[in-house]
PDB file of N, CA and C in Angstrom:
ATOM      1  N   MET A   1       0.823  -1.196   0.000  1.00  0.00           N
ATOM      2  CA  MET A   1       0.000   0.000   0.000  1.00  0.00           C
ATOM      3  C   MET A   1       0.867   1.260   0.000  1.00  0.00           C
ATOM      4  N   ARG A   2       1.942   1.260   0.821  1.00  0.00           N
ATOM      5  CA  ARG A   2       2.831   2.424   0.901  1.00  0.00           C
ATOM      6  C   ARG A   2       3.493   2.684  -0.457  1.00  0.00           C
ATOM      7  N   GLN A   3       3.865   1.599  -1.172  1.00  0.00           N
ATOM      8  CA  GLN A   3       4.488   1.765  -2.486  1.00  0.00           C
ATOM      9  C   GLN A   3       3.509   2.371  -3.481  1.00  0.00           C
ATOM     10  N   ILE A   4       2.264   1.950  -3.434  1.00  0.00           N
ATOM     11  CA  ILE A   4       1.246   2.508  -4.327  1.00  0.00           C
ATOM     12  C   ILE A   4       1.056   3.989  -4.041  1.00  0.00           C
ATOM     13  N   LEU A   5       1.008   4.363  -2.766  1.00  0.00           N
ATOM     14  CA  LEU A   5       0.861   5.760  -2.391  1.00  0.00           C
ATOM     15  C   LEU A   5       2.045   6.582  -2.888  1.00  0.00           C
ATOM     16  N   LEU A   6       3.260   6.041  -2.756  1.00  0.00           N
ATOM     17  CA  LEU A   6       4.452   6.750  -3.224  1.00  0.00           C
ATOM     18  C   LEU A   6       4.406   6.949  -4.735  1.00  0.00           C
ATOM     19  N   VAL A   7       4.006   5.922  -5.486  1.00  0.00           N
ATOM     20  CA  VAL A   7       3.910   6.044  -6.943  1.00  0.00           C
ATOM     21  C   VAL A   7       2.871   7.095  -7.318  1.00  0.00           C
ATOM     22  N   LEU A   8       1.727   7.097  -6.652  1.00  0.00           N
ATOM     23  CA  LEU A   8       0.697   8.097  -6.939  1.00  0.00           C
ATOM     24  C   LEU A   8       1.185   9.494  -6.598  1.00  0.00           C
ATOM     25  N   THR A   9       1.888   9.634  -5.480  1.00  0.00           N
ATOM     26  CA  THR A   9       2.418  10.933  -5.079  1.00  0.00           C
ATOM     27  C   THR A   9       3.429  11.428  -6.100  1.00  0.00           C
ATOM     28  N   LEU A  10       4.309  10.543  -6.563  1.00  0.00           N
ATOM     29  CA  LEU A  10       5.285  10.922  -7.584  1.00  0.00           C
ATOM     30  C   LEU A  10       4.600  11.342  -8.872  1.00  0.00           C
ATOM     31  N   ALA A  11       3.580  10.612  -9.270  1.00  0.00           N
ATOM     32  CA  ALA A  11       2.864  10.941 -10.504  1.00  0.00           C
ATOM     33  C   ALA A  11       2.213  12.313 -10.395  1.00  0.00           C
ATOM     34  N   LEU A  12       1.630  12.622  -9.261  1.00  0.00           N
ATOM     35  CA  LEU A  12       1.007  13.929  -9.077  1.00  0.00           C
ATOM     36  C   LEU A  12       2.041  15.037  -9.081  1.00  0.00           C
ATOM     37  N   ALA A  13       3.195  14.803  -8.478  1.00  0.00           N
ATOM     38  CA  ALA A  13       4.240  15.829  -8.448  1.00  0.00           C
ATOM     39  C   ALA A  13       4.766  16.118  -9.838  1.00  0.00           C
ATOM     40  N   VAL A  14       4.987  15.070 -10.629  1.00  0.00           N
ATOM     41  CA  VAL A  14       5.491  15.262 -11.988  1.00  0.00           C
ATOM     42  C   VAL A  14       4.430  15.910 -12.855  1.00  0.00           C
ATOM     43  N   ALA A  15       3.178  15.529 -12.702  1.00  0.00           N
ATOM     44  CA  ALA A  15       2.104  16.107 -13.510  1.00  0.00           C
ATOM     45  C   ALA A  15       1.939  17.592 -13.253  1.00  0.00           C
ATOM     46  N   GLY A  16       2.318  18.056 -12.065  1.00  0.00           N
ATOM     47  CA  GLY A  16       2.167  19.467 -11.732  1.00  0.00           C
ATOM     48  C   GLY A  16       3.300  20.348 -12.202  1.00  0.00           C
ATOM     49  N   CYS A  17       4.304  19.787 -12.866  1.00  0.00           N
ATOM     50  CA  CYS A  17       5.454  20.569 -13.308  1.00  0.00           C
ATOM     51  C   CYS A  17       5.131  21.348 -14.564  1.00  0.00           C
ATOM     52  N   ASP A  18       5.675  22.556 -14.644  1.00  0.00           N
ATOM     53  CA  ASP A  18       5.569  23.347 -15.855  1.00  0.00           C
ATOM     54  C   ASP A  18       6.657  22.927 -16.811  1.00  0.00           C
ATOM     55  N   ASP A  19       6.512  23.271 -18.095  1.00  0.00           N
ATOM     56  CA  ASP A  19       7.565  22.969 -19.051  1.00  0.00           C
ATOM     57  C   ASP A  19       8.664  24.019 -18.964  1.00  0.00           C
ATOM     58  N   ASP A  20       9.743  23.833 -19.758  1.00  0.00           N
ATOM     59  CA  ASP A  20      10.896  24.718 -19.696  1.00  0.00           C
ATOM     60  C   ASP A  20      10.576  26.151 -20.078  1.00  0.00           C
ATOM     61  N   ASP A  21       9.497  26.401 -20.825  1.00  0.00           N
ATOM     62  CA  ASP A  21       9.143  27.759 -21.227  1.00  0.00           C
ATOM     63  C   ASP A  21       8.396  28.519 -20.144  1.00  0.00           C
ATOM     64  N   ASN A  22       7.911  27.826 -19.142  1.00  0.00           N
ATOM     65  CA  ASN A  22       7.132  28.443 -18.069  1.00  0.00           C
ATOM     66  C   ASN A  22       7.655  27.970 -16.727  1.00  0.00           C
ATOM     67  N   PRO A  23       8.632  28.663 -16.156  1.00  0.00           N
ATOM     68  CA  PRO A  23       9.212  28.195 -14.901  1.00  0.00           C
ATOM     69  C   PRO A  23       8.164  28.094 -13.806  1.00  0.00           C
ATOM     70  N   THR A  24       8.316  27.088 -12.980  1.00  0.00           N
ATOM     71  CA  THR A  24       7.389  26.850 -11.891  1.00  0.00           C
ATOM     72  C   THR A  24       7.533  27.926 -10.830  1.00  0.00           C
ATOM     73  N   GLN A  25       6.424  28.454 -10.369  1.00  0.00           N
ATOM     74  CA  GLN A  25       6.423  29.410  -9.273  1.00  0.00           C
ATOM     75  C   GLN A  25       6.659  28.648  -7.975  1.00  0.00           C
ATOM     76  N   PRO A  26       7.191  29.299  -6.951  1.00  0.00           N
ATOM     77  CA  PRO A  26       7.382  28.617  -5.672  1.00  0.00           C
ATOM     78  C   PRO A  26       6.066  28.002  -5.193  1.00  0.00           C
ATOM     79  N   THR A  27       6.149  26.764  -4.758  1.00  0.00           N
ATOM     80  CA  THR A  27       4.961  26.055  -4.312  1.00  0.00           C
ATOM     81  C   THR A  27       5.230  25.397  -2.970  1.00  0.00           C
ATOM     82  N   THR A  28       4.170  25.061  -2.296  1.00  0.00           N
ATOM     83  CA  THR A  28       4.264  24.309  -1.057  1.00  0.00           C
ATOM     84  C   THR A  28       3.420  23.062  -1.196  1.00  0.00           C
ATOM     85  N   GLY A  29       3.753  22.050  -0.441  1.00  0.00           N
ATOM     86  CA  GLY A  29       2.985  20.819  -0.496  1.00  0.00           C
ATOM     87  C   GLY A  29       3.333  19.927   0.665  1.00  0.00           C
ATOM     88  N   THR A  30       2.557  18.859   0.792  1.00  0.00           N
ATOM     89  CA  THR A  30       2.828  17.851   1.805  1.00  0.00           C
ATOM     90  C   THR A  30       3.010  16.529   1.094  1.00  0.00           C
ATOM     91  N   GLY A  31       3.729  15.617   1.728  1.00  0.00           N
ATOM     92  CA  GLY A  31       3.935  14.310   1.127  1.00  0.00           C
ATOM     93  C   GLY A  31       5.383  13.903   1.158  1.00  0.00           C
ATOM     94  N   THR A  32       5.786  13.130   0.135  1.00  0.00           N
ATOM     95  CA  THR A  32       7.132  12.589   0.116  1.00  0.00           C
ATOM     96  C   THR A  32       7.781  12.660  -1.261  1.00  0.00           C
ATOM     97  N   ALA A  33       7.294  13.511  -2.169  1.00  0.00           N
ATOM     98  CA  ALA A  33       7.846  13.549  -3.517  1.00  0.00           C
ATOM     99  C   ALA A  33       8.133  14.976  -3.964  1.00  0.00           C
ATOM    100  N   VAL A  34       9.277  15.141  -4.625  1.00  0.00           N
ATOM    101  CA  VAL A  34       9.680  16.423  -5.180  1.00  0.00           C
ATOM    102  C   VAL A  34      10.174  16.152  -6.597  1.00  0.00           C
ATOM    103  N   SER A  35       9.812  17.009  -7.551  1.00  0.00           N
ATOM    104  CA  SER A  35      10.363  16.862  -8.894  1.00  0.00           C
ATOM    105  C   SER A  35      11.332  18.002  -9.178  1.00  0.00           C
ATOM    106  N   MET A  36      12.285  17.737 -10.059  1.00  0.00           N
ATOM    107  CA  MET A  36      13.280  18.716 -10.476  1.00  0.00           C
ATOM    108  C   MET A  36      13.037  18.990 -11.950  1.00  0.00           C
ATOM    109  N   THR A  37      12.949  20.267 -12.325  1.00  0.00           N
ATOM    110  CA  THR A  37      12.632  20.579 -13.715  1.00  0.00           C
ATOM    111  C   THR A  37      13.126  21.949 -14.122  1.00  0.00           C
ATOM    112  N   GLY A  38      13.235  22.170 -15.424  1.00  0.00           N
ATOM    113  CA  GLY A  38      13.411  23.496 -16.001  1.00  0.00           C
ATOM    114  C   GLY A  38      14.726  24.187 -15.771  1.00  0.00           C
ATOM    115  N   ALA A  39      15.849  23.490 -15.835  1.00  0.00           N
ATOM    116  CA  ALA A  39      17.139  24.141 -15.597  1.00  0.00           C
ATOM    117  C   ALA A  39      17.415  25.242 -16.602  1.00  0.00           C
ATOM    118  N   GLY A  40      16.892  25.121 -17.811  1.00  0.00           N
ATOM    119  CA  GLY A  40      17.146  26.113 -18.848  1.00  0.00           C
ATOM    120  C   GLY A  40      16.603  27.489 -18.524  1.00  0.00           C
ATOM    121  N   VAL A  41      15.654  27.579 -17.612  1.00  0.00           N
ATOM    122  CA  VAL A  41      15.056  28.866 -17.242  1.00  0.00           C
ATOM    123  C   VAL A  41      15.221  29.137 -15.749  1.00  0.00           C
ATOM    124  N   GLY A  42      16.277  28.629 -15.179  1.00  0.00           N
ATOM    125  CA  GLY A  42      16.516  28.865 -13.762  1.00  0.00           C
ATOM    126  C   GLY A  42      16.253  27.646 -12.911  1.00  0.00           C
ATOM    127  N   GLY A  43      15.408  26.769 -13.382  1.00  0.00           N
ATOM    128  CA  GLY A  43      15.140  25.523 -12.691  1.00  0.00           C
ATOM    129  C   GLY A  43      14.323  25.683 -11.436  1.00  0.00           C
ATOM    130  N   SER A  44      13.743  24.568 -11.012  1.00  0.00           N
ATOM    131  CA  SER A  44      12.971  24.596  -9.783  1.00  0.00           C
ATOM    132  C   SER A  44      12.776  23.194  -9.233  1.00  0.00           C
ATOM    133  N   PHE A  45      12.518  23.164  -7.949  1.00  0.00           N
ATOM    134  CA  PHE A  45      12.037  21.965  -7.283  1.00  0.00           C
ATOM    135  C   PHE A  45      10.538  22.179  -7.091  1.00  0.00           C
ATOM    136  N   ASN A  46       9.751  21.149  -7.299  1.00  0.00           N
ATOM    137  CA  ASN A  46       8.308  21.277  -7.161  1.00  0.00           C
ATOM    138  C   ASN A  46       7.794  20.137  -6.287  1.00  0.00           C
ATOM    139  N   PRO A  47       7.252  20.429  -5.113  1.00  0.00           N
ATOM    140  CA  PRO A  47       7.068  21.761  -4.554  1.00  0.00           C
ATOM    141  C   PRO A  47       8.380  22.335  -4.036  1.00  0.00           C
ATOM    142  N   THR A  48       8.439  23.647  -3.947  1.00  0.00           N
ATOM    143  CA  THR A  48       9.615  24.331  -3.427  1.00  0.00           C
ATOM    144  C   THR A  48       9.790  24.037  -1.945  1.00  0.00           C
ATOM    145  N   THR A  49       8.685  24.032  -1.215  1.00  0.00           N
ATOM    146  CA  THR A  49       8.688  23.682   0.208  1.00  0.00           C
ATOM    147  C   THR A  49       7.792  22.483   0.404  1.00  0.00           C
ATOM    148  N   LEU A  50       8.368  21.425   0.945  1.00  0.00           N
ATOM    149  CA  LEU A  50       7.636  20.181   1.189  1.00  0.00           C
ATOM    150  C   LEU A  50       7.570  19.941   2.686  1.00  0.00           C
ATOM    151  N   THR A  51       6.385  19.657   3.201  1.00  0.00           N
ATOM    152  CA  THR A  51       6.211  19.320   4.618  1.00  0.00           C
ATOM    153  C   THR A  51       5.896  17.836   4.722  1.00  0.00           C
ATOM    154  N   THR A  52       6.625  17.152   5.607  1.00  0.00           N
ATOM    155  CA  THR A  52       6.435  15.723   5.789  1.00  0.00           C
ATOM    156  C   THR A  52       6.611  15.380   7.263  1.00  0.00           C
ATOM    157  N   THR A  53       6.622  14.106   7.589  1.00  0.00           N
ATOM    158  CA  THR A  53       6.711  13.680   8.981  1.00  0.00           C
ATOM    159  C   THR A  53       8.010  12.925   9.236  1.00  0.00           C
ATOM    160  N   VAL A  54       8.420  12.902  10.501  1.00  0.00           N
ATOM    161  CA  VAL A  54       9.611  12.158  10.905  1.00  0.00           C
ATOM    162  C   VAL A  54       9.459  10.703  10.468  1.00  0.00           C
ATOM    163  N   GLY A  55      10.515  10.179   9.883  1.00  0.00           N
ATOM    164  CA  GLY A  55      10.512   8.798   9.407  1.00  0.00           C
ATOM    165  C   GLY A  55      10.169   8.663   7.939  1.00  0.00           C
ATOM    166  N   SER A  56       9.697   9.740   7.318  1.00  0.00           N
ATOM    167  CA  SER A  56       9.334   9.698   5.899  1.00  0.00           C
ATOM    168  C   SER A  56      10.580   9.693   5.023  1.00  0.00           C
ATOM    169  N   THR A  57      10.467   9.039   3.892  1.00  0.00           N
ATOM    170  CA  THR A  57      11.507   9.060   2.879  1.00  0.00           C
ATOM    171  C   THR A  57      11.031   9.954   1.755  1.00  0.00           C
ATOM    172  N   VAL A  58      11.780  11.013   1.482  1.00  0.00           N
ATOM    173  CA  VAL A  58      11.455  11.928   0.386  1.00  0.00           C
ATOM    174  C   VAL A  58      12.191  11.446  -0.859  1.00  0.00           C
ATOM    175  N   VAL A  59      11.478  11.393  -1.978  1.00  0.00           N
ATOM    176  CA  VAL A  59      12.058  10.969  -3.245  1.00  0.00           C
ATOM    177  C   VAL A  59      12.028  12.147  -4.205  1.00  0.00           C
ATOM    178  N   TRP A  60      13.213  12.536  -4.687  1.00  0.00           N
ATOM    179  CA  TRP A  60      13.338  13.556  -5.721  1.00  0.00           C
ATOM    180  C   TRP A  60      13.421  12.847  -7.057  1.00  0.00           C
ATOM    181  N   THR A  61      12.639  13.272  -8.042  1.00  0.00           N
ATOM    182  CA  THR A  61      12.664  12.709  -9.382  1.00  0.00           C
ATOM    183  C   THR A  61      13.072  13.791 -10.364  1.00  0.00           C
ATOM    184  N   ASN A  62      14.049  13.491 -11.202  1.00  0.00           N
ATOM    185  CA  ASN A  62      14.492  14.456 -12.207  1.00  0.00           C
ATOM    186  C   ASN A  62      13.570  14.359 -13.410  1.00  0.00           C
ATOM    187  N   ALA A  63      12.636  15.305 -13.507  1.00  0.00           N
ATOM    188  CA  ALA A  63      11.667  15.354 -14.605  1.00  0.00           C
ATOM    189  C   ALA A  63      12.159  16.261 -15.721  1.00  0.00           C
ATOM    190  N   ASP A  64      13.449  16.500 -15.769  1.00  0.00           N
ATOM    191  CA  ASP A  64      14.064  17.396 -16.733  1.00  0.00           C
ATOM    192  C   ASP A  64      15.006  16.586 -17.622  1.00  0.00           C
ATOM    193  N   ASN A  65      15.477  17.205 -18.697  1.00  0.00           N
ATOM    194  CA  ASN A  65      16.438  16.516 -19.558  1.00  0.00           C
ATOM    195  C   ASN A  65      17.879  16.896 -19.213  1.00  0.00           C
ATOM    196  N   GLU A  66      18.081  17.682 -18.163  1.00  0.00           N
ATOM    197  CA  GLU A  66      19.408  18.049 -17.686  1.00  0.00           C
ATOM    198  C   GLU A  66      19.676  17.385 -16.337  1.00  0.00           C
ATOM    199  N   VAL A  67      20.943  17.201 -16.028  1.00  0.00           N
ATOM    200  CA  VAL A  67      21.353  16.614 -14.752  1.00  0.00           C
ATOM    201  C   VAL A  67      21.134  17.635 -13.638  1.00  0.00           C
ATOM    202  N   HIS A  68      20.681  17.158 -12.474  1.00  0.00           N
ATOM    203  CA  HIS A  68      20.489  17.992 -11.290  1.00  0.00           C
ATOM    204  C   HIS A  68      21.046  17.260 -10.076  1.00  0.00           C
ATOM    205  N   THR A  69      21.141  17.990  -8.962  1.00  0.00           N
ATOM    206  CA  THR A  69      21.453  17.374  -7.670  1.00  0.00           C
ATOM    207  C   THR A  69      20.422  17.853  -6.665  1.00  0.00           C
ATOM    208  N   THR A  70      20.316  17.154  -5.574  1.00  0.00           N
ATOM    209  CA  THR A  70      19.640  17.656  -4.388  1.00  0.00           C
ATOM    210  C   THR A  70      20.661  17.527  -3.264  1.00  0.00           C
ATOM    211  N   THR A  71      21.076  18.683  -2.762  1.00  0.00           N
ATOM    212  CA  THR A  71      22.189  18.735  -1.822  1.00  0.00           C
ATOM    213  C   THR A  71      21.806  19.593  -0.619  1.00  0.00           C
ATOM    214  N   SER A  72      21.833  18.986   0.547  1.00  0.00           N
ATOM    215  CA  SER A  72      21.522  19.697   1.787  1.00  0.00           C
ATOM    216  C   SER A  72      22.498  20.842   1.997  1.00  0.00           C
ATOM    217  N   ASN A  73      21.998  21.981   2.437  1.00  0.00           N
ATOM    218  CA  ASN A  73      22.864  23.123   2.748  1.00  0.00           C
ATOM    219  C   ASN A  73      23.779  22.853   3.932  1.00  0.00           C
ATOM    220  N   THR A  74      23.440  21.850   4.752  1.00  0.00           N
ATOM    221  CA  THR A  74      24.240  21.543   5.938  1.00  0.00           C
ATOM    222  C   THR A  74      25.037  20.250   5.790  1.00  0.00           C
ATOM    223  N   GLY A  75      25.015  19.639   4.603  1.00  0.00           N
ATOM    224  CA  GLY A  75      25.768  18.413   4.378  1.00  0.00           C
ATOM    225  C   GLY A  75      25.066  17.144   4.832  1.00  0.00           C
ATOM    226  N   LEU A  76      23.789  17.230   5.181  1.00  0.00           N
ATOM    227  CA  LEU A  76      23.050  16.053   5.652  1.00  0.00           C
ATOM    228  C   LEU A  76      22.894  15.002   4.555  1.00  0.00           C
ATOM    229  N   TRP A  77      22.657  15.427   3.315  1.00  0.00           N
ATOM    230  CA  TRP A  77      22.574  14.506   2.183  1.00  0.00           C
ATOM    231  C   TRP A  77      23.135  15.184   0.937  1.00  0.00           C
ATOM    232  N   ASN A  78      23.534  14.352  -0.006  1.00  0.00           N
ATOM    233  CA  ASN A  78      23.994  14.818  -1.315  1.00  0.00           C
ATOM    234  C   ASN A  78      23.707  13.719  -2.319  1.00  0.00           C
ATOM    235  N   SER A  79      22.876  14.022  -3.277  1.00  0.00           N
ATOM    236  CA  SER A  79      22.487  13.017  -4.261  1.00  0.00           C
ATOM    237  C   SER A  79      23.559  12.747  -5.302  1.00  0.00           C
ATOM    238  N   ASN A  80      24.549  13.636  -5.407  1.00  0.00           N
ATOM    239  CA  ASN A  80      25.429  13.645  -6.565  1.00  0.00           C
ATOM    240  C   ASN A  80      24.546  13.873  -7.801  1.00  0.00           C
ATOM    241  N   ASN A  81      25.046  13.596  -8.992  1.00  0.00           N
ATOM    242  CA  ASN A  81      24.276  13.876 -10.203  1.00  0.00           C
ATOM    243  C   ASN A  81      23.110  12.904 -10.359  1.00  0.00           C
ATOM    244  N   VAL A  82      21.923  13.463 -10.612  1.00  0.00           N
ATOM    245  CA  VAL A  82      20.736  12.667 -10.889  1.00  0.00           C
ATOM    246  C   VAL A  82      20.376  12.917 -12.352  1.00  0.00           C
ATOM    247  N   ALA A  83      20.500  11.898 -13.177  1.00  0.00           N
ATOM    248  CA  ALA A  83      20.230  12.021 -14.609  1.00  0.00           C
ATOM    249  C   ALA A  83      18.732  12.151 -14.875  1.00  0.00           C
ATOM    250  N   ALA A  84      18.389  12.503 -16.103  1.00  0.00           N
ATOM    251  CA  ALA A  84      16.980  12.591 -16.506  1.00  0.00           C
ATOM    252  C   ALA A  84      16.255  11.297 -16.147  1.00  0.00           C
ATOM    253  N   ASN A  85      15.074  11.437 -15.564  1.00  0.00           N
ATOM    254  CA  ASN A  85      14.221  10.331 -15.117  1.00  0.00           C
ATOM    255  C   ASN A  85      14.803   9.554 -13.943  1.00  0.00           C
ATOM    256  N   GLY A  86      15.935  10.002 -13.406  1.00  0.00           N
ATOM    257  CA  GLY A  86      16.517   9.342 -12.244  1.00  0.00           C
ATOM    258  C   GLY A  86      15.877   9.823 -10.954  1.00  0.00           C
ATOM    259  N   THR A  87      16.151   9.111  -9.883  1.00  0.00           N
ATOM    260  CA  THR A  87      15.604   9.477  -8.574  1.00  0.00           C
ATOM    261  C   THR A  87      16.690   9.430  -7.515  1.00  0.00           C
ATOM    262  N   PHE A  88      16.413  10.107  -6.415  1.00  0.00           N
ATOM    263  CA  PHE A  88      17.241  10.055  -5.217  1.00  0.00           C
ATOM    264  C   PHE A  88      16.292  10.065  -4.033  1.00  0.00           C
ATOM    265  N   ALA A  89      16.554   9.227  -3.035  1.00  0.00           N
ATOM    266  CA  ALA A  89      15.695   9.143  -1.854  1.00  0.00           C
ATOM    267  C   ALA A  89      16.519   9.372  -0.596  1.00  0.00           C
ATOM    268  N   PHE A  90      15.895  10.045   0.381  1.00  0.00           N
ATOM    269  CA  PHE A  90      16.534  10.280   1.667  1.00  0.00           C
ATOM    270  C   PHE A  90      15.481  10.180   2.760  1.00  0.00           C
ATOM    271  N   GLN A  91      15.784   9.434   3.823  1.00  0.00           N
ATOM    272  CA  GLN A  91      14.859   9.294   4.947  1.00  0.00           C
ATOM    273  C   GLN A  91      15.192  10.318   6.025  1.00  0.00           C
ATOM    274  N   PHE A  92      14.169  11.059   6.443  1.00  0.00           N
ATOM    275  CA  PHE A  92      14.316  12.071   7.489  1.00  0.00           C
ATOM    276  C   PHE A  92      13.940  11.462   8.827  1.00  0.00           C
ATOM    277  N   THR A  93      14.917  11.378   9.720  1.00  0.00           N
ATOM    278  CA  THR A  93      14.706  10.712  11.011  1.00  0.00           C
ATOM    279  C   THR A  93      14.536  11.682  12.172  1.00  0.00           C
ATOM    280  N   THR A  94      14.702  12.988  11.891  1.00  0.00           N
ATOM    281  CA  THR A  94      14.508  13.992  12.938  1.00  0.00           C
ATOM    282  C   THR A  94      13.682  15.152  12.401  1.00  0.00           C
ATOM    283  N   ALA A  95      13.001  15.819  13.308  1.00  0.00           N
ATOM    284  CA  ALA A  95      12.216  16.992  12.933  1.00  0.00           C
ATOM    285  C   ALA A  95      13.146  18.170  12.670  1.00  0.00           C
ATOM    286  N   GLY A  96      12.691  19.080  11.833  1.00  0.00           N
ATOM    287  CA  GLY A  96      13.469  20.283  11.563  1.00  0.00           C
ATOM    288  C   GLY A  96      13.157  20.864  10.205  1.00  0.00           C
ATOM    289  N   THR A  97      13.845  21.932   9.875  1.00  0.00           N
ATOM    290  CA  THR A  97      13.720  22.587   8.579  1.00  0.00           C
ATOM    291  C   THR A  97      15.037  22.395   7.851  1.00  0.00           C
ATOM    292  N   PHE A  98      14.967  21.830   6.639  1.00  0.00           N
ATOM    293  CA  PHE A  98      16.152  21.416   5.912  1.00  0.00           C
ATOM    294  C   PHE A  98      16.202  22.077   4.528  1.00  0.00           C
ATOM    295  N   PRO A  99      16.935  23.188   4.400  1.00  0.00           N
ATOM    296  CA  PRO A  99      17.083  23.826   3.087  1.00  0.00           C
ATOM    297  C   PRO A  99      18.074  23.034   2.228  1.00  0.00           C
ATOM    298  N   TYR A 100      17.854  23.071   0.914  1.00  0.00           N
ATOM    299  CA  TYR A 100      18.742  22.366  -0.004  1.00  0.00           C
ATOM    300  C   TYR A 100      18.789  23.089  -1.340  1.00  0.00           C
ATOM    301  N   ARG A 101      19.674  22.623  -2.232  1.00  0.00           N
ATOM    302  CA  ARG A 101      19.864  23.273  -3.525  1.00  0.00           C
ATOM    303  C   ARG A 101      20.348  22.253  -4.546  1.00  0.00           C
ATOM    304  N   CYS A 102      20.356  22.675  -5.804  1.00  0.00           N
ATOM    305  CA  CYS A 102      21.019  21.938  -6.870  1.00  0.00           C
ATOM    306  C   CYS A 102      22.394  22.575  -7.022  1.00  0.00           C
ATOM    307  N   THR A 103      23.461  21.808  -6.850  1.00  0.00           N
ATOM    308  CA  THR A 103      24.799  22.385  -6.934  1.00  0.00           C
ATOM    309  C   THR A 103      25.170  22.777  -8.360  1.00  0.00           C
ATOM    310  N   ILE A 104      24.497  22.218  -9.349  1.00  0.00           N
ATOM    311  CA  ILE A 104      24.763  22.552 -10.747  1.00  0.00           C
ATOM    312  C   ILE A 104      24.049  23.834 -11.146  1.00  0.00           C
ATOM    313  N   HIS A 105      22.849  24.040 -10.609  1.00  0.00           N
ATOM    314  CA  HIS A 105      22.013  25.205 -10.928  1.00  0.00           C
ATOM    315  C   HIS A 105      21.683  25.923  -9.614  1.00  0.00           C
ATOM    316  N   PRO A 106      22.547  26.829  -9.143  1.00  0.00           N
ATOM    317  CA  PRO A 106      22.405  27.444  -7.822  1.00  0.00           C
ATOM    318  C   PRO A 106      21.076  28.159  -7.576  1.00  0.00           C
ATOM    319  N   ALA A 107      20.377  28.555  -8.634  1.00  0.00           N
ATOM    320  CA  ALA A 107      19.081  29.212  -8.439  1.00  0.00           C
ATOM    321  C   ALA A 107      18.004  28.214  -7.999  1.00  0.00           C
ATOM    322  N   MET A 108      18.256  26.925  -8.167  1.00  0.00           N
ATOM    323  CA  MET A 108      17.299  25.899  -7.755  1.00  0.00           C
ATOM    324  C   MET A 108      17.486  25.630  -6.264  1.00  0.00           C
ATOM    325  N   THR A 109      16.501  26.046  -5.478  1.00  0.00           N
ATOM    326  CA  THR A 109      16.558  25.831  -4.034  1.00  0.00           C
ATOM    327  C   THR A 109      15.226  25.283  -3.550  1.00  0.00           C
ATOM    328  N   GLY A 110      15.261  24.624  -2.418  1.00  0.00           N
ATOM    329  CA  GLY A 110      14.048  24.089  -1.834  1.00  0.00           C
ATOM    330  C   GLY A 110      14.223  23.898  -0.341  1.00  0.00           C
ATOM    331  N   THR A 111      13.144  23.509   0.307  1.00  0.00           N
ATOM    332  CA  THR A 111      13.151  23.274   1.754  1.00  0.00           C
ATOM    333  C   THR A 111      12.261  22.082   2.064  1.00  0.00           C
ATOM    334  N   VAL A 112      12.748  21.198   2.928  1.00  0.00           N
ATOM    335  CA  VAL A 112      11.927  20.126   3.483  1.00  0.00           C
ATOM    336  C   VAL A 112      11.696  20.459   4.939  1.00  0.00           C
ATOM    337  N   ILE A 113      10.430  20.496   5.338  1.00  0.00           N
ATOM    338  CA  ILE A 113      10.057  20.722   6.732  1.00  0.00           C
ATOM    339  C   ILE A 113       9.561  19.378   7.275  1.00  0.00           C
ATOM    340  N   VAL A 114      10.212  18.898   8.316  1.00  0.00           N
ATOM    341  CA  VAL A 114       9.862  17.603   8.918  1.00  0.00           C
ATOM    342  C   VAL A 114       9.267  17.860  10.282  1.00  0.00           C
ATOM    343  N   GLN A 115       8.051  17.384  10.486  1.00  0.00           N
ATOM    344  CA  GLN A 115       7.325  17.600  11.751  1.00  0.00           C
ATOM    345  C   GLN A 115       7.170  16.314  12.517  1.00  0.00           C
TER     346      GLN A 115
END
């Protein structure tokens, strides 16, 4: 059941992405999925701010045709390069606010809030 929910959450996150001609505006959401898109126009994580719960595993999916990273500003995680259609997952075991960025495209930033 949890796997089905994760697949549905990922599908909804990817479906909500804008194309490269229309950069995604900052968004907020709850759940466990973030998509990476639009590096050609500054890029974005969607949602920009994700709220989840302790113990959740957040999955970033590269919905773009360019390589991206998801890298914690404090060194907590680093995906290294995530190719097109690739994913990276990280489990959050403590509550807090966790800002992150794409090291390749510095304008791409996001935040995970764990409650």
